[in-house]
Protein backbone atom coordinates (compact mmCIF):
# COMPACT_ATOMS: atom_id res chain seq x y z
CA MET A 1 425.35 -114.03 -44.55
CA TYR A 2 427.93 -114.25 -47.27
CA ARG A 3 431.54 -113.91 -46.29
CA SER A 4 433.14 -113.82 -49.69
CA VAL A 5 432.21 -113.33 -53.35
CA GLU A 6 432.84 -116.96 -53.95
CA GLU A 7 429.96 -117.86 -51.65
CA LEU A 8 427.48 -115.84 -53.65
CA PRO A 9 424.91 -117.78 -55.71
CA LEU A 10 425.01 -117.61 -59.47
CA VAL A 11 421.95 -115.26 -59.52
CA LEU A 12 421.04 -112.89 -56.64
CA ARG A 13 417.82 -111.34 -55.56
CA VAL A 14 417.60 -107.65 -54.56
CA GLU A 15 417.63 -108.72 -50.83
CA ASP A 16 420.89 -110.55 -51.44
CA LEU A 17 422.39 -107.51 -53.11
CA MET A 18 421.37 -105.39 -50.10
CA GLN A 19 423.12 -107.76 -47.80
CA VAL A 20 426.37 -108.07 -49.90
CA LEU A 21 426.77 -104.31 -50.36
CA ASP A 22 425.32 -103.43 -46.85
CA VAL A 23 422.93 -100.91 -48.48
CA GLY A 24 419.22 -100.20 -48.14
CA ARG A 25 416.52 -101.14 -50.48
CA ASN A 26 416.32 -97.73 -52.11
CA THR A 27 420.05 -97.69 -52.84
CA ALA A 28 419.94 -101.18 -54.23
CA TYR A 29 417.09 -100.37 -56.60
CA GLU A 30 418.86 -97.15 -57.67
CA LEU A 31 422.06 -99.09 -58.57
CA LEU A 32 419.98 -101.36 -60.75
CA ARG A 33 417.81 -98.59 -62.25
CA SER A 34 420.84 -96.61 -63.14
CA GLY A 35 422.54 -99.47 -64.87
CA LYS A 36 425.53 -99.46 -62.51
CA ILE A 37 424.71 -103.10 -61.75
CA PHE A 38 423.17 -105.13 -64.58
CA SER A 39 419.99 -107.01 -63.79
CA ILE A 40 417.33 -108.97 -65.68
CA ARG A 41 413.62 -109.41 -65.09
CA VAL A 42 412.07 -112.82 -64.80
CA GLY A 43 408.37 -112.07 -64.78
CA LYS A 44 407.90 -109.56 -62.05
CA GLN A 45 411.10 -110.54 -60.24
CA ILE A 46 414.51 -108.91 -60.60
CA ARG A 47 417.59 -111.11 -60.74
CA ILE A 48 421.18 -109.98 -60.67
CA PRO A 49 423.95 -112.09 -62.11
CA LYS A 50 426.86 -112.70 -59.84
CA GLU A 51 429.28 -111.41 -62.43
CA SER A 52 427.49 -108.00 -62.45
CA VAL A 53 428.10 -107.63 -58.66
CA GLU A 54 431.77 -108.66 -59.11
CA GLU A 55 432.21 -106.08 -61.83
CA TYR A 56 430.63 -103.37 -59.78
CA LEU A 57 432.89 -104.20 -56.83
CA LYS A 58 436.06 -104.06 -59.06
CA GLN A 59 435.31 -100.39 -60.01
C-alpha cells in the first residue's frame, strides 16, 4: 500500500489507482472514461501517469 504520492510508481495500473483513491473499479474506470484523470492505452492495457493522479488530487 502506498503511503504518499512520492511512493507511487511513474505509471500506475487501474488497480493502483483504485488503491490510491480508495475507490471501486467502476469509479476508477469512470474517472478515466470521463477524462478527469488522463490515461493512455498500451495495447489492451490502461496506464495512468503519476502526474495525472497528482493533478486530480490537487483539484
